[in-house]
Amino acid sequence: MLQTDAGVSSSLANALETLRARGLGLRRGSDPEPIEHNRPGVPTGHASLDAALGTDGWPLGAIVLLDAARGMGASTLALGTLAAAQASGGLVAWLDLDGTLDPAVAARLGISLEWLLVARPRDPDEAIELAAWLGRSGLIDALVLDLGERALPDRRALDRLGLLLARSGATAALVLAPAGRAVAGAVAGVRVGLHRSAWLAVGRDLVGQRVTAVVERHRWALAGGSAELDLWFGEGRRIDPQLVALAEPRQFEERPATPVELRVVSA
């Protein structure tokens, strides 16, 4: 049993038992399902990306790297995937190493918080071990392994996680690792790069961004496909329910940062 200062593993075990008591048996069954090698993938939340992947979504039993620079929509896409998995009756989890997951934003983007397992590991090793623990449970359809902005994951630990998920065939693990993109990318069975093409605006307010998702690697289908995705900010979706109809793409210019001179005007 993995022990942490906050008893993360035991807390997750208790959370799974609580979900069972609240009706998990009606949603997924009380025991892990047998492995089905032809099970469909976990929906991404975007039909065009599901089609580009060629596996009806993220393949079960795979590590998926959302390869994106900070602010390029990886977290928003991951939240959309968990919302879509929940909508299809699945259970989901978020392993939040830096503690940056905002429940309010998650809820506005469609997450049902009462059916979301959240853990805050102490370090990357513990985060990967918890992902393996959840994969072995056979109850989680999709999990997000958010390694934060600074963590460098261990290649061997990720390799072990990949083998375990492949054997179970029950869980898709989406990895967010801006600092560890090279390591995670070498292990991931699926790698999707996100590239912003425009902002989405209503009037002068930016409410989202349009990104191109490119399937750069796929061990179970042909790579090279792409899809154009509109990813909405949590605030944007909340402000106007007619956002899709009102928003217009706005081209942007990448400009180098301008140095700022600071002056002490009083002491």
C-alpha atoms as a PDB file:
ATOM      1  CA  MET A   1       0.000   0.000   0.000  1.00  0.00           C
ATOM      2  CA  LEU A   2       1.413   3.373  -1.021  1.00  0.00           C
ATOM      3  CA  GLN A   3       1.496   5.715   1.959  1.00  0.00           C
ATOM      4  CA  THR A   4       1.471   9.520   1.729  1.00  0.00           C
ATOM      5  CA  ASP A   5       1.253  12.336   4.249  1.00  0.00           C
ATOM      6  CA  ALA A   6      -2.435  12.675   3.415  1.00  0.00           C
ATOM      7  CA  GLY A   7      -3.069   8.961   2.927  1.00  0.00           C
ATOM      8  CA  VAL A   8      -3.806   9.419  -0.781  1.00  0.00           C
ATOM      9  CA  SER A   9      -4.145   5.732  -1.690  1.00  0.00           C
ATOM     10  CA  SER A  10      -6.447   4.932   1.206  1.00  0.00           C
ATOM     11  CA  SER A  11      -8.465   8.060   0.417  1.00  0.00           C
ATOM     12  CA  LEU A  12      -8.916   6.953  -3.187  1.00  0.00           C
ATOM     13  CA  ALA A  13      -9.946   3.497  -2.027  1.00  0.00           C
ATOM     14  CA  ASN A  14     -12.526   5.055   0.274  1.00  0.00           C
ATOM     15  CA  ALA A  15     -13.717   7.294  -2.568  1.00  0.00           C
ATOM     16  CA  LEU A  16     -14.262   4.291  -4.825  1.00  0.00           C
ATOM     17  CA  GLU A  17     -16.260   2.590  -2.075  1.00  0.00           C
ATOM     18  CA  THR A  18     -18.345   5.751  -1.668  1.00  0.00           C
ATOM     19  CA  LEU A  19     -19.058   5.805  -5.405  1.00  0.00           C
ATOM     20  CA  ARG A  20     -20.200   2.189  -5.213  1.00  0.00           C
ATOM     21  CA  ALA A  21     -22.556   3.061  -2.351  1.00  0.00           C
ATOM     22  CA  ARG A  22     -23.965   6.004  -4.330  1.00  0.00           C
ATOM     23  CA  GLY A  23     -24.838   3.930  -7.361  1.00  0.00           C
ATOM     24  CA  LEU A  24     -21.640   2.806  -9.048  1.00  0.00           C
ATOM     25  CA  GLY A  25     -23.226  -0.632  -9.460  1.00  0.00           C
ATOM     26  CA  LEU A  26     -25.851   0.931 -11.698  1.00  0.00           C
ATOM     27  CA  ARG A  27     -23.232   2.748 -13.798  1.00  0.00           C
ATOM     28  CA  ARG A  28     -20.278   0.398 -14.198  1.00  0.00           C
ATOM     29  CA  GLY A  29     -20.810  -2.728 -12.069  1.00  0.00           C
ATOM     30  CA  SER A  30     -19.310  -3.404  -8.655  1.00  0.00           C
ATOM     31  CA  ASP A  31     -16.435  -5.525  -9.974  1.00  0.00           C
ATOM     32  CA  PRO A  32     -13.896  -4.681 -12.686  1.00  0.00           C
ATOM     33  CA  GLU A  33     -15.145  -5.568 -16.147  1.00  0.00           C
ATOM     34  CA  PRO A  34     -13.372  -8.311 -18.107  1.00  0.00           C
ATOM     35  CA  ILE A  35     -10.867  -7.108 -20.662  1.00  0.00           C
ATOM     36  CA  GLU A  36     -12.372  -6.578 -24.104  1.00  0.00           C
ATOM     37  CA  HIS A  37      -9.740  -6.085 -26.751  1.00  0.00           C
ATOM     38  CA  ASN A  38     -12.210  -4.438 -29.135  1.00  0.00           C
ATOM     39  CA  ARG A  39     -13.639  -1.926 -26.675  1.00  0.00           C
ATOM     40  CA  PRO A  40     -14.227   1.531 -28.179  1.00  0.00           C
ATOM     41  CA  GLY A  41     -12.069   4.423 -27.176  1.00  0.00           C
ATOM     42  CA  VAL A  42     -12.872   7.137 -24.663  1.00  0.00           C
ATOM     43  CA  PRO A  43     -14.517  10.101 -26.442  1.00  0.00           C
ATOM     44  CA  THR A  44     -12.347  13.199 -26.609  1.00  0.00           C
ATOM     45  CA  GLY A  45     -15.322  15.554 -26.461  1.00  0.00           C
ATOM     46  CA  HIS A  46     -14.760  16.575 -30.100  1.00  0.00           C
ATOM     47  CA  ALA A  47     -16.197  14.431 -32.898  1.00  0.00           C
ATOM     48  CA  SER A  48     -13.633  15.725 -35.393  1.00  0.00           C
ATOM     49  CA  LEU A  49     -10.742  14.663 -33.141  1.00  0.00           C
ATOM     50  CA  ASP A  50     -12.349  11.257 -32.528  1.00  0.00           C
ATOM     51  CA  ALA A  51     -12.426  10.780 -36.306  1.00  0.00           C
ATOM     52  CA  ALA A  52      -8.839  12.008 -36.767  1.00  0.00           C
ATOM     53  CA  LEU A  53      -7.604   9.496 -34.185  1.00  0.00           C
ATOM     54  CA  GLY A  54      -9.281   6.597 -36.002  1.00  0.00           C
ATOM     55  CA  THR A  55     -10.060   4.777 -32.748  1.00  0.00           C
ATOM     56  CA  ASP A  56     -13.342   6.501 -31.792  1.00  0.00           C
ATOM     57  CA  GLY A  57     -11.467   8.606 -29.250  1.00  0.00           C
ATOM     58  CA  TRP A  58      -8.487   7.977 -26.983  1.00  0.00           C
ATOM     59  CA  PRO A  59      -7.725   4.234 -27.074  1.00  0.00           C
ATOM     60  CA  LEU A  60      -8.254   2.388 -23.812  1.00  0.00           C
ATOM     61  CA  GLY A  61      -5.064   1.008 -22.328  1.00  0.00           C
ATOM     62  CA  ALA A  62      -2.939   3.853 -23.704  1.00  0.00           C
ATOM     63  CA  ILE A  63      -0.840   6.701 -22.392  1.00  0.00           C
ATOM     64  CA  VAL A  64      -1.756   9.840 -24.349  1.00  0.00           C
ATOM     65  CA  LEU A  65       0.487  12.907 -24.324  1.00  0.00           C
ATOM     66  CA  LEU A  66      -1.238  16.215 -24.972  1.00  0.00           C
ATOM     67  CA  ASP A  67       1.846  17.948 -26.331  1.00  0.00           C
ATOM     68  CA  ALA A  68       1.287  21.670 -25.951  1.00  0.00           C
ATOM     69  CA  ALA A  69       2.967  24.755 -24.643  1.00  0.00           C
ATOM     70  CA  ARG A  70       1.457  26.463 -21.630  1.00  0.00           C
ATOM     71  CA  GLY A  71      -1.860  28.144 -22.415  1.00  0.00           C
ATOM     72  CA  MET A  72      -2.388  26.197 -25.640  1.00  0.00           C
ATOM     73  CA  GLY A  73      -5.518  24.379 -24.445  1.00  0.00           C
ATOM     74  CA  ALA A  74      -4.247  21.019 -23.161  1.00  0.00           C
ATOM     75  CA  SER A  75      -6.016  21.328 -19.799  1.00  0.00           C
ATOM     76  CA  THR A  76      -9.235  22.484 -21.450  1.00  0.00           C
ATOM     77  CA  LEU A  77      -9.147  19.548 -23.863  1.00  0.00           C
ATOM     78  CA  ALA A  78      -8.464  17.159 -20.970  1.00  0.00           C
ATOM     79  CA  LEU A  79     -11.435  18.539 -19.018  1.00  0.00           C
ATOM     80  CA  GLY A  80     -13.613  18.146 -22.104  1.00  0.00           C
ATOM     81  CA  THR A  81     -12.551  14.509 -22.385  1.00  0.00           C
ATOM     82  CA  LEU A  82     -13.465  13.803 -18.761  1.00  0.00           C
ATOM     83  CA  ALA A  83     -16.838  15.508 -19.239  1.00  0.00           C
ATOM     84  CA  ALA A  84     -17.524  13.408 -22.341  1.00  0.00           C
ATOM     85  CA  ALA A  85     -16.489  10.215 -20.534  1.00  0.00           C
ATOM     86  CA  GLN A  86     -18.815  11.057 -17.664  1.00  0.00           C
ATOM     87  CA  ALA A  87     -21.649  11.768 -20.095  1.00  0.00           C
ATOM     88  CA  SER A  88     -21.220   8.272 -21.551  1.00  0.00           C
ATOM     89  CA  GLY A  89     -21.468   6.747 -18.051  1.00  0.00           C
ATOM     90  CA  GLY A  90     -17.776   6.433 -17.166  1.00  0.00           C
ATOM     91  CA  LEU A  91     -15.764   7.279 -14.086  1.00  0.00           C
ATOM     92  CA  VAL A  92     -12.832   9.680 -14.299  1.00  0.00           C
ATOM     93  CA  ALA A  93      -9.975  11.012 -12.170  1.00  0.00           C
ATOM     94  CA  TRP A  94      -7.518  13.923 -12.103  1.00  0.00           C
ATOM     95  CA  LEU A  95      -4.083  13.577 -10.479  1.00  0.00           C
ATOM     96  CA  ASP A  96      -3.115  17.165  -9.737  1.00  0.00           C
ATOM     97  CA  LEU A  97       0.562  17.435  -8.806  1.00  0.00           C
ATOM     98  CA  ASP A  98       0.698  21.252  -8.556  1.00  0.00           C
ATOM     99  CA  GLY A  99      -2.822  21.704  -7.172  1.00  0.00           C
ATOM    100  CA  THR A 100      -3.896  23.924 -10.086  1.00  0.00           C
ATOM    101  CA  LEU A 101      -7.198  22.234 -10.977  1.00  0.00           C
ATOM    102  CA  ASP A 102     -10.000  24.790 -10.535  1.00  0.00           C
ATOM    103  CA  PRO A 103     -13.266  22.993  -9.629  1.00  0.00           C
ATOM    104  CA  ALA A 104     -15.357  25.996 -10.699  1.00  0.00           C
ATOM    105  CA  VAL A 105     -13.823  26.014 -14.188  1.00  0.00           C
ATOM    106  CA  ALA A 106     -14.151  22.215 -14.400  1.00  0.00           C
ATOM    107  CA  ALA A 107     -17.845  22.450 -13.554  1.00  0.00           C
ATOM    108  CA  ARG A 108     -18.438  25.200 -16.117  1.00  0.00           C
ATOM    109  CA  LEU A 109     -16.766  23.050 -18.782  1.00  0.00           C
ATOM    110  CA  GLY A 110     -19.157  20.184 -18.102  1.00  0.00           C
ATOM    111  CA  ILE A 111     -17.516  18.126 -15.351  1.00  0.00           C
ATOM    112  CA  SER A 112     -19.847  16.525 -12.810  1.00  0.00           C
ATOM    113  CA  LEU A 113     -17.784  17.160  -9.682  1.00  0.00           C
ATOM    114  CA  GLU A 114     -19.572  14.561  -7.549  1.00  0.00           C
ATOM    115  CA  TRP A 115     -18.286  11.865  -9.931  1.00  0.00           C
ATOM    116  CA  LEU A 116     -14.711  13.172 -10.226  1.00  0.00           C
ATOM    117  CA  LEU A 117     -11.880  11.639  -8.212  1.00  0.00           C
ATOM    118  CA  VAL A 118      -9.118  14.156  -7.443  1.00  0.00           C
ATOM    119  CA  ALA A 119      -5.778  13.383  -5.802  1.00  0.00           C
ATOM    120  CA  ARG A 120      -2.811  15.664  -5.126  1.00  0.00           C
ATOM    121  CA  PRO A 121       0.370  13.574  -5.122  1.00  0.00           C
ATOM    122  CA  ARG A 122       3.545  14.823  -3.476  1.00  0.00           C
ATOM    123  CA  ASP A 123       5.890  14.166  -6.411  1.00  0.00           C
ATOM    124  CA  PRO A 124       5.940  12.690  -9.943  1.00  0.00           C
ATOM    125  CA  ASP A 125       6.760   9.175  -8.722  1.00  0.00           C
ATOM    126  CA  GLU A 126       3.744   9.126  -6.440  1.00  0.00           C
ATOM    127  CA  ALA A 127       1.557  10.565  -9.192  1.00  0.00           C
ATOM    128  CA  ILE A 128       2.562   7.776 -11.585  1.00  0.00           C
ATOM    129  CA  GLU A 129       2.062   5.113  -8.897  1.00  0.00           C
ATOM    130  CA  LEU A 130      -1.431   6.447  -8.201  1.00  0.00           C
ATOM    131  CA  ALA A 131      -2.216   6.359 -11.923  1.00  0.00           C
ATOM    132  CA  ALA A 132      -1.134   2.717 -11.951  1.00  0.00           C
ATOM    133  CA  TRP A 133      -3.252   2.033  -8.859  1.00  0.00           C
ATOM    134  CA  LEU A 134      -6.321   3.493 -10.549  1.00  0.00           C
ATOM    135  CA  GLY A 135      -5.569   1.595 -13.758  1.00  0.00           C
ATOM    136  CA  ARG A 136      -5.436  -1.668 -11.840  1.00  0.00           C
ATOM    137  CA  SER A 137      -8.810  -0.928 -10.236  1.00  0.00           C
ATOM    138  CA  GLY A 138     -10.497  -1.443 -13.602  1.00  0.00           C
ATOM    139  CA  LEU A 139     -13.123   1.155 -12.680  1.00  0.00           C
ATOM    140  CA  ILE A 140     -11.677   4.363 -14.169  1.00  0.00           C
ATOM    141  CA  ASP A 141     -12.321   5.013 -17.864  1.00  0.00           C
ATOM    142  CA  ALA A 142     -10.102   8.073 -18.188  1.00  0.00           C
ATOM    143  CA  LEU A 143      -7.633   9.817 -15.921  1.00  0.00           C
ATOM    144  CA  VAL A 144      -5.538  12.940 -16.312  1.00  0.00           C
ATOM    145  CA  LEU A 145      -1.976  12.768 -15.032  1.00  0.00           C
ATOM    146  CA  ASP A 146      -1.165  16.455 -14.609  1.00  0.00           C
ATOM    147  CA  LEU A 147       2.552  16.631 -13.789  1.00  0.00           C
ATOM    148  CA  GLY A 148       2.577  20.411 -13.624  1.00  0.00           C
ATOM    149  CA  GLU A 149       5.027  22.957 -14.944  1.00  0.00           C
ATOM    150  CA  ARG A 150       8.268  21.798 -13.288  1.00  0.00           C
ATOM    151  CA  ALA A 151       8.159  18.033 -12.735  1.00  0.00           C
ATOM    152  CA  LEU A 152      10.398  15.722 -14.762  1.00  0.00           C
ATOM    153  CA  PRO A 153       8.858  12.219 -14.774  1.00  0.00           C
ATOM    154  CA  ASP A 154      10.976   9.094 -14.574  1.00  0.00           C
ATOM    155  CA  ARG A 155      11.118   7.270 -17.917  1.00  0.00           C
ATOM    156  CA  ARG A 156      11.124   3.799 -16.341  1.00  0.00           C
ATOM    157  CA  ALA A 157       8.120   4.588 -14.153  1.00  0.00           C
ATOM    158  CA  LEU A 158       6.154   5.804 -17.173  1.00  0.00           C
ATOM    159  CA  ASP A 159       7.184   2.681 -19.092  1.00  0.00           C
ATOM    160  CA  ARG A 160       5.798   0.505 -16.288  1.00  0.00           C
ATOM    161  CA  LEU A 161       2.584   2.512 -16.253  1.00  0.00           C
ATOM    162  CA  GLY A 162       2.210   2.069 -19.996  1.00  0.00           C
ATOM    163  CA  LEU A 163       2.644  -1.712 -19.749  1.00  0.00           C
ATOM    164  CA  LEU A 164       0.131  -1.947 -16.917  1.00  0.00           C
ATOM    165  CA  LEU A 165      -2.485   0.093 -18.762  1.00  0.00           C
ATOM    166  CA  ALA A 166      -1.973  -1.951 -21.935  1.00  0.00           C
ATOM    167  CA  ARG A 167      -2.510  -5.195 -20.009  1.00  0.00           C
ATOM    168  CA  SER A 168      -5.665  -3.954 -18.276  1.00  0.00           C
ATOM    169  CA  GLY A 169      -7.108  -2.349 -21.397  1.00  0.00           C
ATOM    170  CA  ALA A 170      -9.594  -0.430 -19.251  1.00  0.00           C
ATOM    171  CA  THR A 171      -8.228   3.095 -18.807  1.00  0.00           C
ATOM    172  CA  ALA A 172      -6.941   5.894 -21.013  1.00  0.00           C
ATOM    173  CA  ALA A 173      -4.378   8.117 -19.278  1.00  0.00           C
ATOM    174  CA  LEU A 174      -3.973  11.672 -20.577  1.00  0.00           C
ATOM    175  CA  VAL A 175      -0.625  13.168 -19.580  1.00  0.00           C
ATOM    176  CA  LEU A 176      -0.026  16.907 -19.186  1.00  0.00           C
ATOM    177  CA  ALA A 177       3.710  17.454 -18.779  1.00  0.00           C
ATOM    178  CA  PRO A 178       4.990  20.776 -20.166  1.00  0.00           C
ATOM    179  CA  ALA A 179       8.383  20.329 -18.494  1.00  0.00           C
ATOM    180  CA  GLY A 180       8.596  16.613 -19.237  1.00  0.00           C
ATOM    181  CA  ARG A 181       7.323  16.568 -22.804  1.00  0.00           C
ATOM    182  CA  ALA A 182      10.402  14.805 -24.179  1.00  0.00           C
ATOM    183  CA  VAL A 183      10.255  11.972 -21.626  1.00  0.00           C
ATOM    184  CA  ALA A 184       6.485  11.513 -21.781  1.00  0.00           C
ATOM    185  CA  GLY A 185       6.520  11.748 -25.563  1.00  0.00           C
ATOM    186  CA  ALA A 186       8.993   8.883 -25.842  1.00  0.00           C
ATOM    187  CA  VAL A 187       6.687   6.615 -23.827  1.00  0.00           C
ATOM    188  CA  ALA A 188       3.223   7.679 -24.993  1.00  0.00           C
ATOM    189  CA  GLY A 189       1.394   5.418 -27.401  1.00  0.00           C
ATOM    190  CA  VAL A 190      -0.541   8.429 -28.684  1.00  0.00           C
ATOM    191  CA  ARG A 191       0.842  11.948 -28.973  1.00  0.00           C
ATOM    192  CA  VAL A 192      -1.312  14.871 -30.076  1.00  0.00           C
ATOM    193  CA  GLY A 193       0.212  18.293 -30.632  1.00  0.00           C
ATOM    194  CA  LEU A 194      -1.909  21.407 -30.078  1.00  0.00           C
ATOM    195  CA  HIS A 195      -1.212  24.576 -32.059  1.00  0.00           C
ATOM    196  CA  ARG A 196      -3.258  27.779 -31.717  1.00  0.00           C
ATOM    197  CA  SER A 197      -4.531  29.277 -34.968  1.00  0.00           C
ATOM    198  CA  ALA A 198      -6.823  32.030 -33.657  1.00  0.00           C
ATOM    199  CA  TRP A 199      -8.530  33.457 -30.603  1.00  0.00           C
ATOM    200  CA  LEU A 200     -12.302  33.272 -30.295  1.00  0.00           C
ATOM    201  CA  ALA A 201     -13.892  36.577 -29.378  1.00  0.00           C
ATOM    202  CA  VAL A 202     -17.300  38.059 -28.675  1.00  0.00           C
ATOM    203  CA  GLY A 203     -16.870  41.746 -29.320  1.00  0.00           C
ATOM    204  CA  ARG A 204     -13.657  42.725 -27.558  1.00  0.00           C
ATOM    205  CA  ASP A 205     -13.769  39.820 -25.096  1.00  0.00           C
ATOM    206  CA  LEU A 206     -11.647  36.732 -25.718  1.00  0.00           C
ATOM    207  CA  VAL A 207     -13.756  33.703 -24.793  1.00  0.00           C
ATOM    208  CA  GLY A 208     -11.736  30.831 -26.232  1.00  0.00           C
ATOM    209  CA  GLN A 209      -9.182  29.752 -28.768  1.00  0.00           C
ATOM    210  CA  ARG A 210      -9.143  27.761 -31.988  1.00  0.00           C
ATOM    211  CA  VAL A 211      -6.408  25.147 -32.100  1.00  0.00           C
ATOM    212  CA  THR A 212      -5.277  22.543 -34.578  1.00  0.00           C
ATOM    213  CA  ALA A 213      -4.820  19.116 -33.006  1.00  0.00           C
ATOM    214  CA  VAL A 214      -2.314  16.999 -34.952  1.00  0.00           C
ATOM    215  CA  VAL A 215      -2.030  13.255 -34.317  1.00  0.00           C
ATOM    216  CA  GLU A 216       1.758  12.984 -34.311  1.00  0.00           C
ATOM    217  CA  ARG A 217       1.952   9.382 -33.091  1.00  0.00           C
ATOM    218  CA  HIS A 218      -0.587   6.568 -32.836  1.00  0.00           C
ATOM    219  CA  ARG A 219       0.403   2.960 -32.213  1.00  0.00           C
ATOM    220  CA  TRP A 220      -3.056   1.600 -32.970  1.00  0.00           C
ATOM    221  CA  ALA A 221      -4.024   3.636 -36.048  1.00  0.00           C
ATOM    222  CA  LEU A 222      -2.534   5.831 -38.733  1.00  0.00           C
ATOM    223  CA  ALA A 223      -0.880   9.014 -37.503  1.00  0.00           C
ATOM    224  CA  GLY A 224      -0.934  12.307 -39.353  1.00  0.00           C
ATOM    225  CA  GLY A 225      -4.606  13.172 -39.027  1.00  0.00           C
ATOM    226  CA  SER A 226      -5.660  16.543 -37.678  1.00  0.00           C
ATOM    227  CA  ALA A 227      -8.731  18.334 -36.415  1.00  0.00           C
ATOM    228  CA  GLU A 228      -9.634  21.956 -35.757  1.00  0.00           C
ATOM    229  CA  LEU A 229     -10.998  22.447 -32.243  1.00  0.00           C
ATOM    230  CA  ASP A 230     -12.737  25.366 -30.590  1.00  0.00           C
ATOM    231  CA  LEU A 231     -11.751  25.342 -26.920  1.00  0.00           C
ATOM    232  CA  TRP A 232     -13.762  27.646 -24.681  1.00  0.00           C
ATOM    233  CA  PHE A 233     -12.600  29.339 -21.525  1.00  0.00           C
ATOM    234  CA  GLY A 234     -14.709  28.481 -18.488  1.00  0.00           C
ATOM    235  CA  GLU A 235     -15.751  32.117 -18.068  1.00  0.00           C
ATOM    236  CA  GLY A 236     -16.670  32.434 -21.723  1.00  0.00           C
ATOM    237  CA  ARG A 237     -19.031  29.487 -21.624  1.00  0.00           C
ATOM    238  CA  ARG A 238     -20.672  30.794 -18.445  1.00  0.00           C
ATOM    239  CA  ILE A 239     -21.171  34.340 -19.708  1.00  0.00           C
ATOM    240  CA  ASP A 240     -23.211  33.559 -22.807  1.00  0.00           C
ATOM    241  CA  PRO A 241     -25.055  30.306 -23.645  1.00  0.00           C
ATOM    242  CA  GLN A 242     -25.154  31.434 -27.292  1.00  0.00           C
ATOM    243  CA  LEU A 243     -21.365  31.625 -27.396  1.00  0.00           C
ATOM    244  CA  VAL A 244     -20.879  29.256 -30.327  1.00  0.00           C
ATOM    245  CA  ALA A 245     -23.103  31.375 -32.551  1.00  0.00           C
ATOM    246  CA  LEU A 246     -21.689  34.713 -31.414  1.00  0.00           C
ATOM    247  CA  ALA A 247     -17.959  34.023 -31.273  1.00  0.00           C
ATOM    248  CA  GLU A 248     -15.760  34.971 -34.199  1.00  0.00           C
ATOM    249  CA  PRO A 249     -12.168  33.906 -34.846  1.00  0.00           C
ATOM    250  CA  ARG A 250      -9.612  36.662 -34.415  1.00  0.00           C
ATOM    251  CA  GLN A 251      -6.144  36.261 -35.837  1.00  0.00           C
ATOM    252  CA  PHE A 252      -3.270  36.983 -33.506  1.00  0.00           C
ATOM    253  CA  GLU A 253       0.297  38.128 -33.878  1.00  0.00           C
ATOM    254  CA  GLU A 254       3.137  36.572 -31.952  1.00  0.00           C
ATOM    255  CA  ARG A 255       5.239  39.427 -30.611  1.00  0.00           C
ATOM    256  CA  PRO A 256       8.454  39.187 -28.625  1.00  0.00           C
ATOM    257  CA  ALA A 257       8.162  40.212 -25.025  1.00  0.00           C
ATOM    258  CA  THR A 258       9.124  43.837 -24.455  1.00  0.00           C
ATOM    259  CA  PRO A 259      11.533  44.343 -21.544  1.00  0.00           C
ATOM    260  CA  VAL A 260      10.010  46.386 -18.751  1.00  0.00           C
ATOM    261  CA  GLU A 261      12.188  48.891 -16.910  1.00  0.00           C
ATOM    262  CA  LEU A 262      11.345  49.158 -13.219  1.00  0.00           C
ATOM    263  CA  ARG A 263      12.082  52.376 -11.357  1.00  0.00           C
ATOM    264  CA  VAL A 264      11.963  53.019  -7.635  1.00  0.00           C
ATOM    265  CA  VAL A 265       9.948  56.191  -7.263  1.00  0.00           C
ATOM    266  CA  SER A 266       9.963  56.260  -3.464  1.00  0.00           C
ATOM    267  CA  ALA A 267      11.576  54.404  -0.624  1.00  0.00           C
END
